[in-house]
N, C-alpha and C. Protein backbone atom coordinates (compact mmCIF):
# COMPACT_ATOMS: atom_id res chain seq x y z
N MET A 1 7.38 8.65 -13.83
CA MET A 1 7.71 7.27 -13.63
C MET A 1 7.23 6.42 -14.81
N LYS A 2 7.51 6.88 -16.01
CA LYS A 2 7.05 6.16 -17.19
C LYS A 2 7.74 4.82 -17.37
N TYR A 3 8.86 4.61 -16.69
CA TYR A 3 9.58 3.35 -16.81
C TYR A 3 9.22 2.37 -15.70
N GLU A 4 8.33 2.75 -14.83
CA GLU A 4 8.00 1.90 -13.68
C GLU A 4 6.50 1.60 -13.64
N PRO A 5 6.04 0.59 -14.36
CA PRO A 5 4.61 0.27 -14.35
C PRO A 5 4.11 -0.17 -12.97
N SER A 6 4.97 -0.83 -12.20
CA SER A 6 4.53 -1.27 -10.88
C SER A 6 4.26 -0.07 -9.96
N PHE A 7 5.05 0.98 -10.10
CA PHE A 7 4.80 2.18 -9.29
C PHE A 7 3.50 2.85 -9.72
N ARG A 8 3.24 2.87 -11.03
CA ARG A 8 1.96 3.43 -11.50
C ARG A 8 0.79 2.64 -10.94
N GLU A 9 0.91 1.33 -10.89
CA GLU A 9 -0.15 0.50 -10.31
C GLU A 9 -0.33 0.81 -8.83
N ASP A 10 0.76 1.02 -8.13
CA ASP A 10 0.68 1.36 -6.70
C ASP A 10 0.03 2.73 -6.50
N ILE A 11 0.33 3.67 -7.39
CA ILE A 11 -0.31 4.99 -7.31
C ILE A 11 -1.82 4.86 -7.50
N ILE A 12 -2.23 4.07 -8.48
CA ILE A 12 -3.66 3.87 -8.72
C ILE A 12 -4.30 3.22 -7.50
N PHE A 13 -3.63 2.24 -6.93
CA PHE A 13 -4.09 1.57 -5.72
C PHE A 13 -4.30 2.58 -4.59
N ALA A 14 -3.33 3.46 -4.40
CA ALA A 14 -3.43 4.48 -3.35
C ALA A 14 -4.52 5.50 -3.66
N ILE A 15 -4.62 5.92 -4.91
CA ILE A 15 -5.64 6.90 -5.30
C ILE A 15 -7.04 6.34 -5.05
N LEU A 16 -7.22 5.05 -5.26
CA LEU A 16 -8.52 4.44 -5.02
C LEU A 16 -8.82 4.26 -3.54
N LEU A 17 -7.81 3.93 -2.74
CA LEU A 17 -8.05 3.61 -1.34
C LEU A 17 -7.99 4.80 -0.39
N ILE A 18 -7.26 5.84 -0.73
CA ILE A 18 -7.17 7.00 0.17
C ILE A 18 -8.54 7.66 0.38
N PRO A 19 -9.32 7.92 -0.66
CA PRO A 19 -10.65 8.50 -0.40
C PRO A 19 -11.53 7.55 0.44
N PHE A 20 -11.39 6.25 0.19
CA PHE A 20 -12.15 5.27 0.97
C PHE A 20 -11.75 5.35 2.44
N ALA A 21 -10.45 5.48 2.73
CA ALA A 21 -9.99 5.60 4.12
C ALA A 21 -10.51 6.88 4.76
N ILE A 22 -10.62 7.93 3.97
CA ILE A 22 -11.08 9.22 4.52
C ILE A 22 -12.56 9.19 4.85
N ILE A 23 -13.38 8.54 4.01
CA ILE A 23 -14.82 8.57 4.27
C ILE A 23 -15.28 7.49 5.25
N LEU A 24 -14.41 6.53 5.55
CA LEU A 24 -14.79 5.51 6.53
C LEU A 24 -15.03 6.15 7.89
N PRO A 25 -16.03 5.68 8.62
CA PRO A 25 -16.31 6.26 9.94
C PRO A 25 -15.40 5.70 11.03
N VAL A 26 -14.11 5.96 10.90
CA VAL A 26 -13.14 5.59 11.92
C VAL A 26 -12.50 6.86 12.44
N ASN A 27 -11.81 6.73 13.58
CA ASN A 27 -11.19 7.93 14.15
C ASN A 27 -10.01 8.41 13.30
N ALA A 28 -9.53 9.58 13.60
CA ALA A 28 -8.48 10.21 12.78
C ALA A 28 -7.18 9.41 12.80
N VAL A 29 -6.87 8.82 13.94
CA VAL A 29 -5.63 8.04 14.03
C VAL A 29 -5.71 6.82 13.12
N SER A 30 -6.85 6.14 13.12
CA SER A 30 -7.02 4.98 12.24
C SER A 30 -6.92 5.38 10.78
N THR A 31 -7.53 6.51 10.43
CA THR A 31 -7.45 7.00 9.06
C THR A 31 -6.00 7.29 8.69
N ALA A 32 -5.27 7.93 9.59
CA ALA A 32 -3.86 8.25 9.32
C ALA A 32 -3.02 6.99 9.16
N VAL A 33 -3.28 5.98 9.99
CA VAL A 33 -2.53 4.73 9.89
C VAL A 33 -2.84 4.02 8.57
N MET A 34 -4.11 4.03 8.17
CA MET A 34 -4.49 3.38 6.91
C MET A 34 -3.83 4.08 5.72
N ILE A 35 -3.85 5.41 5.72
CA ILE A 35 -3.22 6.15 4.62
C ILE A 35 -1.70 5.99 4.68
N GLY A 36 -1.16 6.00 5.89
CA GLY A 36 0.28 5.81 6.05
C GLY A 36 0.76 4.47 5.51
N SER A 37 -0.06 3.43 5.70
CA SER A 37 0.33 2.11 5.18
C SER A 37 0.36 2.12 3.65
N LEU A 38 -0.49 2.92 3.03
CA LEU A 38 -0.46 3.05 1.57
C LEU A 38 0.79 3.80 1.11
N PHE A 39 1.17 4.83 1.86
CA PHE A 39 2.38 5.57 1.51
C PHE A 39 3.64 4.71 1.71
N ILE A 40 3.60 3.81 2.69
CA ILE A 40 4.74 2.91 2.88
C ILE A 40 4.94 2.04 1.64
N ILE A 41 3.83 1.57 1.05
CA ILE A 41 3.93 0.78 -0.18
C ILE A 41 4.62 1.59 -1.27
N LEU A 42 4.21 2.86 -1.43
CA LEU A 42 4.81 3.71 -2.46
C LEU A 42 6.30 3.94 -2.21
N ILE A 43 6.65 4.18 -0.96
CA ILE A 43 8.05 4.44 -0.61
C ILE A 43 8.90 3.20 -0.88
N VAL A 44 8.42 2.04 -0.43
CA VAL A 44 9.20 0.81 -0.62
C VAL A 44 9.31 0.47 -2.10
N GLU A 45 8.25 0.72 -2.86
CA GLU A 45 8.31 0.46 -4.31
C GLU A 45 9.35 1.37 -4.98
N LEU A 46 9.42 2.62 -4.57
CA LEU A 46 10.44 3.52 -5.12
C LEU A 46 11.85 3.04 -4.75
N LEU A 47 12.03 2.61 -3.51
CA LEU A 47 13.34 2.09 -3.10
C LEU A 47 13.69 0.82 -3.88
N ASN A 48 12.70 -0.04 -4.10
CA ASN A 48 12.91 -1.25 -4.90
C ASN A 48 13.37 -0.88 -6.31
N SER A 49 12.69 0.08 -6.92
CA SER A 49 13.07 0.51 -8.26
C SER A 49 14.47 1.10 -8.29
N ALA A 50 14.78 1.90 -7.28
CA ALA A 50 16.12 2.50 -7.22
C ALA A 50 17.20 1.43 -7.07
N ILE A 51 16.92 0.43 -6.24
CA ILE A 51 17.89 -0.65 -6.06
C ILE A 51 18.08 -1.42 -7.37
N GLU A 52 16.97 -1.73 -8.03
CA GLU A 52 17.08 -2.49 -9.29
C GLU A 52 17.82 -1.71 -10.36
N TRP A 53 17.52 -0.42 -10.48
CA TRP A 53 18.21 0.40 -11.49
C TRP A 53 19.69 0.54 -11.16
N THR A 54 20.01 0.67 -9.89
CA THR A 54 21.41 0.80 -9.48
C THR A 54 22.17 -0.48 -9.77
N ILE A 55 21.58 -1.63 -9.44
CA ILE A 55 22.23 -2.91 -9.72
C ILE A 55 22.45 -3.08 -11.22
N ASP A 56 21.44 -2.73 -12.02
CA ASP A 56 21.58 -2.84 -13.48
C ASP A 56 22.66 -1.91 -14.02
N TYR A 57 22.80 -0.74 -13.40
CA TYR A 57 23.81 0.22 -13.86
C TYR A 57 25.22 -0.22 -13.46
N VAL A 58 25.37 -0.64 -12.21
CA VAL A 58 26.68 -1.00 -11.70
C VAL A 58 27.17 -2.33 -12.27
N ARG A 59 26.23 -3.26 -12.41
CA ARG A 59 26.63 -4.60 -12.86
C ARG A 59 25.63 -5.09 -13.90
N PRO A 60 25.78 -4.67 -15.16
CA PRO A 60 24.81 -5.06 -16.18
C PRO A 60 24.80 -6.56 -16.50
N GLU A 61 25.92 -7.25 -16.27
CA GLU A 61 25.93 -8.70 -16.53
C GLU A 61 25.25 -9.44 -15.38
N GLN A 62 24.82 -10.66 -15.68
CA GLN A 62 24.13 -11.47 -14.67
C GLN A 62 25.10 -11.87 -13.56
N HIS A 63 24.62 -11.78 -12.33
CA HIS A 63 25.41 -12.19 -11.18
C HIS A 63 24.45 -12.71 -10.12
N PRO A 64 24.78 -13.82 -9.47
CA PRO A 64 23.84 -14.37 -8.48
C PRO A 64 23.55 -13.43 -7.31
N LEU A 65 24.54 -12.67 -6.89
CA LEU A 65 24.30 -11.75 -5.78
C LEU A 65 23.41 -10.58 -6.21
N ALA A 66 23.55 -10.15 -7.46
CA ALA A 66 22.69 -9.07 -7.95
C ALA A 66 21.25 -9.54 -7.98
N LYS A 67 21.03 -10.77 -8.41
CA LYS A 67 19.68 -11.33 -8.42
C LYS A 67 19.13 -11.42 -7.00
N ARG A 68 19.98 -11.82 -6.08
CA ARG A 68 19.54 -11.94 -4.68
C ARG A 68 19.14 -10.58 -4.10
N VAL A 69 19.92 -9.56 -4.40
CA VAL A 69 19.59 -8.21 -3.92
C VAL A 69 18.25 -7.75 -4.50
N LYS A 70 18.05 -7.98 -5.78
CA LYS A 70 16.78 -7.60 -6.41
C LYS A 70 15.61 -8.36 -5.82
N ASP A 71 15.82 -9.65 -5.56
CA ASP A 71 14.76 -10.45 -4.96
C ASP A 71 14.41 -9.95 -3.56
N MET A 72 15.43 -9.57 -2.81
CA MET A 72 15.19 -9.06 -1.45
C MET A 72 14.42 -7.75 -1.49
N ALA A 73 14.72 -6.90 -2.45
CA ALA A 73 13.99 -5.65 -2.59
C ALA A 73 12.54 -5.92 -2.98
N SER A 74 12.31 -6.90 -3.82
CA SER A 74 10.95 -7.27 -4.20
C SER A 74 10.18 -7.84 -3.02
N VAL A 75 10.84 -8.60 -2.19
CA VAL A 75 10.20 -9.13 -0.99
C VAL A 75 9.81 -7.99 -0.05
N ALA A 76 10.62 -6.96 0.01
CA ALA A 76 10.28 -5.80 0.84
C ALA A 76 8.97 -5.16 0.36
N VAL A 77 8.78 -5.08 -0.94
CA VAL A 77 7.52 -4.55 -1.49
C VAL A 77 6.36 -5.46 -1.09
N PHE A 78 6.56 -6.76 -1.23
CA PHE A 78 5.52 -7.71 -0.86
C PHE A 78 5.16 -7.58 0.63
N LEU A 79 6.17 -7.44 1.48
CA LEU A 79 5.92 -7.28 2.91
C LEU A 79 5.18 -5.98 3.21
N SER A 80 5.45 -4.93 2.43
CA SER A 80 4.72 -3.69 2.66
C SER A 80 3.25 -3.85 2.28
N TYR A 81 2.96 -4.67 1.25
CA TYR A 81 1.58 -4.98 0.92
C TYR A 81 0.91 -5.78 2.04
N LEU A 82 1.62 -6.78 2.58
CA LEU A 82 1.08 -7.55 3.70
C LEU A 82 0.83 -6.66 4.91
N ASN A 83 1.73 -5.73 5.17
CA ASN A 83 1.56 -4.79 6.27
C ASN A 83 0.30 -3.96 6.07
N CYS A 84 0.10 -3.44 4.86
CA CYS A 84 -1.08 -2.64 4.55
C CYS A 84 -2.34 -3.48 4.73
N LEU A 85 -2.33 -4.68 4.21
CA LEU A 85 -3.48 -5.57 4.33
C LEU A 85 -3.80 -5.86 5.80
N ALA A 86 -2.79 -6.14 6.59
CA ALA A 86 -3.00 -6.43 8.01
C ALA A 86 -3.59 -5.22 8.73
N ILE A 87 -3.07 -4.03 8.45
CA ILE A 87 -3.58 -2.82 9.09
C ILE A 87 -5.04 -2.60 8.73
N TRP A 88 -5.37 -2.70 7.46
CA TRP A 88 -6.75 -2.47 7.03
C TRP A 88 -7.68 -3.52 7.63
N ILE A 89 -7.26 -4.77 7.67
CA ILE A 89 -8.10 -5.83 8.24
C ILE A 89 -8.31 -5.60 9.73
N ILE A 90 -7.25 -5.29 10.44
CA ILE A 90 -7.38 -5.05 11.89
C ILE A 90 -8.31 -3.88 12.17
N LEU A 91 -8.14 -2.80 11.43
CA LEU A 91 -8.95 -1.62 11.70
C LEU A 91 -10.40 -1.77 11.24
N LEU A 92 -10.64 -2.63 10.25
CA LEU A 92 -12.00 -2.80 9.75
C LEU A 92 -12.63 -4.12 10.17
N TRP A 93 -12.01 -4.82 11.10
CA TRP A 93 -12.54 -6.11 11.55
C TRP A 93 -13.93 -5.89 12.15
N PRO A 94 -14.86 -6.80 11.88
CA PRO A 94 -16.25 -6.61 12.34
C PRO A 94 -16.40 -6.37 13.85
N SER A 95 -15.58 -6.99 14.67
CA SER A 95 -15.70 -6.77 16.12
C SER A 95 -15.11 -5.44 16.56
N ASN A 96 -14.59 -4.68 15.63
CA ASN A 96 -13.97 -3.39 15.95
C ASN A 96 -14.99 -2.26 16.00
N ALA A 97 -16.28 -2.58 15.89
CA ALA A 97 -17.39 -1.63 15.96
C ALA A 97 -17.41 -0.63 14.80
N VAL A 98 -16.67 -0.90 13.76
CA VAL A 98 -16.69 -0.03 12.59
C VAL A 98 -17.88 -0.37 11.70
N TRP A 99 -18.21 -1.66 11.60
CA TRP A 99 -19.24 -2.10 10.67
C TRP A 99 -20.61 -1.50 10.97
N PRO A 100 -21.05 -1.41 12.24
CA PRO A 100 -22.33 -0.74 12.47
C PRO A 100 -22.31 0.72 12.01
N ARG A 101 -21.18 1.39 12.18
CA ARG A 101 -21.09 2.79 11.72
C ARG A 101 -21.09 2.87 10.20
N ILE A 102 -20.47 1.87 9.53
CA ILE A 102 -20.49 1.85 8.06
C ILE A 102 -21.91 1.62 7.57
N VAL A 103 -22.62 0.70 8.21
CA VAL A 103 -24.01 0.43 7.82
C VAL A 103 -24.86 1.68 8.02
N ASP A 104 -24.68 2.38 9.14
CA ASP A 104 -25.42 3.62 9.39
C ASP A 104 -25.09 4.67 8.34
N LEU A 105 -23.83 4.79 7.98
CA LEU A 105 -23.41 5.76 6.98
C LEU A 105 -24.04 5.46 5.62
N VAL A 106 -23.95 4.20 5.20
CA VAL A 106 -24.52 3.81 3.89
C VAL A 106 -26.03 3.95 3.90
N SER A 107 -26.68 3.57 4.98
CA SER A 107 -28.14 3.70 5.03
C SER A 107 -28.57 5.16 5.02
N SER A 108 -27.76 6.03 5.63
CA SER A 108 -28.10 7.46 5.58
C SER A 108 -27.97 8.02 4.17
N TRP A 109 -27.00 7.46 3.39
CA TRP A 109 -26.87 7.89 1.99
C TRP A 109 -28.05 7.40 1.16
N LEU A 110 -28.52 6.19 1.46
CA LEU A 110 -29.61 5.62 0.69
C LEU A 110 -30.96 6.26 0.99
N VAL A 111 -31.12 6.75 2.21
CA VAL A 111 -32.38 7.38 2.62
C VAL A 111 -32.56 8.73 1.93
N LYS A 112 -31.45 9.42 1.69
CA LYS A 112 -31.53 10.76 1.09
C LYS A 112 -32.07 10.73 -0.27
């Protein structure tokens, strides 16, 4: 994906957050949902790139509808980011009893 810097950024984002999701003291379903939300970002970004490349190939000249299609695909990527953010916030919200387990985990690392 040397022609898609945004996809490379999304890959880096996922590479950084997937290990974090795995080591968090949440149940397996929460971990899977958190990782799944990251994969949704990657999938939507690939679809966005495919749509943009297809529009550029089929209609290289400027057209208002082509711009609208590209904008809609970009909004889909943005919504996938919002979806990921909402999932992570909901699952890591302080009243969700995750924070005491995180504090216990970090304190156990510091004691060693």
